[in-house]
Amino acid sequence: MKVYTYSIARQRLSEVLDIARTEEVIIKRRGVENFSIILKKTPKSPFDIRGIKTRATTNDILDAVRESRSKAVEQVAPNPCC
């Protein structure tokens, strides 16, 4: 555990945060208040995925969406035979 004064922690904030990745950091302010800094890990979203490179243009994607939507409408349309 590392201990810093408020003024030193403020001057070296980047360093303090890097240290807090591996251990607790205490910041003392005016000798009365003590603050603890620890890394809080947040779970990753299942939607957080890496992008892919493709040669598809915006128009290619829009055409594919329009085509898939028109097929869905054809499948849902009622049968006019009766």
C-alpha atoms as a PDB file:
ATOM      1  CA  MET A   1       0.000   0.000   0.000  1.00  0.00           C
ATOM      2  CA  LYS A   2       1.343   3.394  -1.023  1.00  0.00           C
ATOM      3  CA  VAL A   3       0.567   6.602   0.835  1.00  0.00           C
ATOM      4  CA  TYR A   4       0.607  10.060  -0.768  1.00  0.00           C
ATOM      5  CA  THR A   5      -0.200  13.526   0.434  1.00  0.00           C
ATOM      6  CA  TYR A   6      -2.975  15.293  -1.431  1.00  0.00           C
ATOM      7  CA  SER A   7      -0.630  17.742  -3.175  1.00  0.00           C
ATOM      8  CA  ILE A   8       1.785  15.015  -4.336  1.00  0.00           C
ATOM      9  CA  ALA A   9      -1.077  12.787  -5.504  1.00  0.00           C
ATOM     10  CA  ARG A  10      -2.517  15.694  -7.473  1.00  0.00           C
ATOM     11  CA  GLN A  11       0.827  16.355  -9.167  1.00  0.00           C
ATOM     12  CA  ARG A  12       1.385  12.670  -9.956  1.00  0.00           C
ATOM     13  CA  LEU A  13      -2.188  11.541 -10.585  1.00  0.00           C
ATOM     14  CA  SER A  14      -1.296   9.361 -13.574  1.00  0.00           C
ATOM     15  CA  GLU A  15       1.378   7.550 -11.555  1.00  0.00           C
ATOM     16  CA  VAL A  16      -0.993   7.138  -8.581  1.00  0.00           C
ATOM     17  CA  LEU A  17      -3.678   5.604 -10.807  1.00  0.00           C
ATOM     18  CA  ASP A  18      -1.164   3.225 -12.395  1.00  0.00           C
ATOM     19  CA  ILE A  19      -0.093   2.036  -8.939  1.00  0.00           C
ATOM     20  CA  ALA A  20      -3.744   1.645  -7.898  1.00  0.00           C
ATOM     21  CA  ARG A  21      -4.099  -1.005 -10.632  1.00  0.00           C
ATOM     22  CA  THR A  22      -2.025  -3.382  -8.531  1.00  0.00           C
ATOM     23  CA  GLU A  23      -2.367  -2.190  -4.942  1.00  0.00           C
ATOM     24  CA  GLU A  24      -4.344   0.135  -2.711  1.00  0.00           C
ATOM     25  CA  VAL A  25      -3.281   3.784  -2.619  1.00  0.00           C
ATOM     26  CA  ILE A  26      -4.033   6.072   0.334  1.00  0.00           C
ATOM     27  CA  ILE A  27      -4.204   9.843  -0.085  1.00  0.00           C
ATOM     28  CA  LYS A  28      -3.930  11.915   3.083  1.00  0.00           C
ATOM     29  CA  ARG A  29      -5.532  15.329   3.055  1.00  0.00           C
ATOM     30  CA  ARG A  30      -4.646  17.871   5.741  1.00  0.00           C
ATOM     31  CA  GLY A  31      -3.835  15.087   8.162  1.00  0.00           C
ATOM     32  CA  VAL A  32      -7.516  14.582   8.942  1.00  0.00           C
ATOM     33  CA  GLU A  33      -9.026  12.837   5.920  1.00  0.00           C
ATOM     34  CA  ASN A  34      -7.741   9.642   4.336  1.00  0.00           C
ATOM     35  CA  PHE A  35      -8.967   8.449   0.950  1.00  0.00           C
ATOM     36  CA  SER A  36      -8.444   5.011  -0.506  1.00  0.00           C
ATOM     37  CA  ILE A  37      -8.038   4.400  -4.230  1.00  0.00           C
ATOM     38  CA  ILE A  38      -8.442   0.897  -5.647  1.00  0.00           C
ATOM     39  CA  LEU A  39      -9.125  -0.383  -9.141  1.00  0.00           C
ATOM     40  CA  LYS A  40     -12.758  -1.248  -9.739  1.00  0.00           C
ATOM     41  CA  LYS A  41     -13.081  -3.818 -12.476  1.00  0.00           C
ATOM     42  CA  THR A  42     -16.314  -3.722 -14.405  1.00  0.00           C
ATOM     43  CA  PRO A  43     -17.560  -6.725 -16.364  1.00  0.00           C
ATOM     44  CA  LYS A  44     -17.387  -6.458 -20.124  1.00  0.00           C
ATOM     45  CA  SER A  45     -20.570  -6.244 -22.105  1.00  0.00           C
ATOM     46  CA  PRO A  46     -21.387  -9.243 -24.306  1.00  0.00           C
ATOM     47  CA  PHE A  47     -21.947  -6.681 -27.055  1.00  0.00           C
ATOM     48  CA  ASP A  48     -18.355  -5.426 -26.742  1.00  0.00           C
ATOM     49  CA  ILE A  49     -16.878  -7.147 -29.791  1.00  0.00           C
ATOM     50  CA  ARG A  50     -14.022  -6.330 -32.097  1.00  0.00           C
ATOM     51  CA  GLY A  51     -14.857  -4.820 -35.442  1.00  0.00           C
ATOM     52  CA  ILE A  52     -14.026  -6.457 -38.765  1.00  0.00           C
ATOM     53  CA  LYS A  53     -12.643  -5.036 -41.965  1.00  0.00           C
ATOM     54  CA  THR A  54     -14.766  -5.536 -45.069  1.00  0.00           C
ATOM     55  CA  ARG A  55     -14.994  -4.195 -48.574  1.00  0.00           C
ATOM     56  CA  ALA A  56     -18.754  -3.730 -48.279  1.00  0.00           C
ATOM     57  CA  THR A  57     -19.877  -0.180 -48.866  1.00  0.00           C
ATOM     58  CA  THR A  58     -22.740   1.579 -47.157  1.00  0.00           C
ATOM     59  CA  ASN A  59     -24.868   1.043 -50.262  1.00  0.00           C
ATOM     60  CA  ASP A  60     -24.088  -2.713 -50.235  1.00  0.00           C
ATOM     61  CA  ILE A  61     -25.261  -2.943 -46.634  1.00  0.00           C
ATOM     62  CA  LEU A  62     -28.398  -0.888 -47.278  1.00  0.00           C
ATOM     63  CA  ASP A  63     -29.250  -3.044 -50.321  1.00  0.00           C
ATOM     64  CA  ALA A  64     -28.872  -6.207 -48.231  1.00  0.00           C
ATOM     65  CA  VAL A  65     -31.139  -4.786 -45.508  1.00  0.00           C
ATOM     66  CA  ARG A  66     -33.789  -3.762 -48.053  1.00  0.00           C
ATOM     67  CA  GLU A  67     -33.654  -7.200 -49.688  1.00  0.00           C
ATOM     68  CA  SER A  68     -34.035  -9.022 -46.375  1.00  0.00           C
ATOM     69  CA  ARG A  69     -36.937  -6.797 -45.373  1.00  0.00           C
ATOM     70  CA  SER A  70     -38.760  -7.322 -48.658  1.00  0.00           C
ATOM     71  CA  LYS A  71     -38.425 -11.115 -48.274  1.00  0.00           C
ATOM     72  CA  ALA A  72     -39.827 -10.907 -44.751  1.00  0.00           C
ATOM     73  CA  VAL A  73     -42.849  -8.953 -46.015  1.00  0.00           C
ATOM     74  CA  GLU A  74     -43.459 -11.539 -48.777  1.00  0.00           C
ATOM     75  CA  GLN A  75     -43.467 -14.370 -46.218  1.00  0.00           C
ATOM     76  CA  VAL A  76     -45.937 -12.585 -43.939  1.00  0.00           C
ATOM     77  CA  ALA A  77     -48.354 -11.475 -46.688  1.00  0.00           C
ATOM     78  CA  PRO A  78     -51.704 -13.339 -46.579  1.00  0.00           C
ATOM     79  CA  ASN A  79     -52.525 -15.838 -49.303  1.00  0.00           C
ATOM     80  CA  PRO A  80     -55.172 -14.203 -51.602  1.00  0.00           C
ATOM     81  CA  CYS A  81     -56.278 -17.510 -53.174  1.00  0.00           C
ATOM     82  CA  CYS A  82     -59.440 -17.997 -51.055  1.00  0.00           C
END
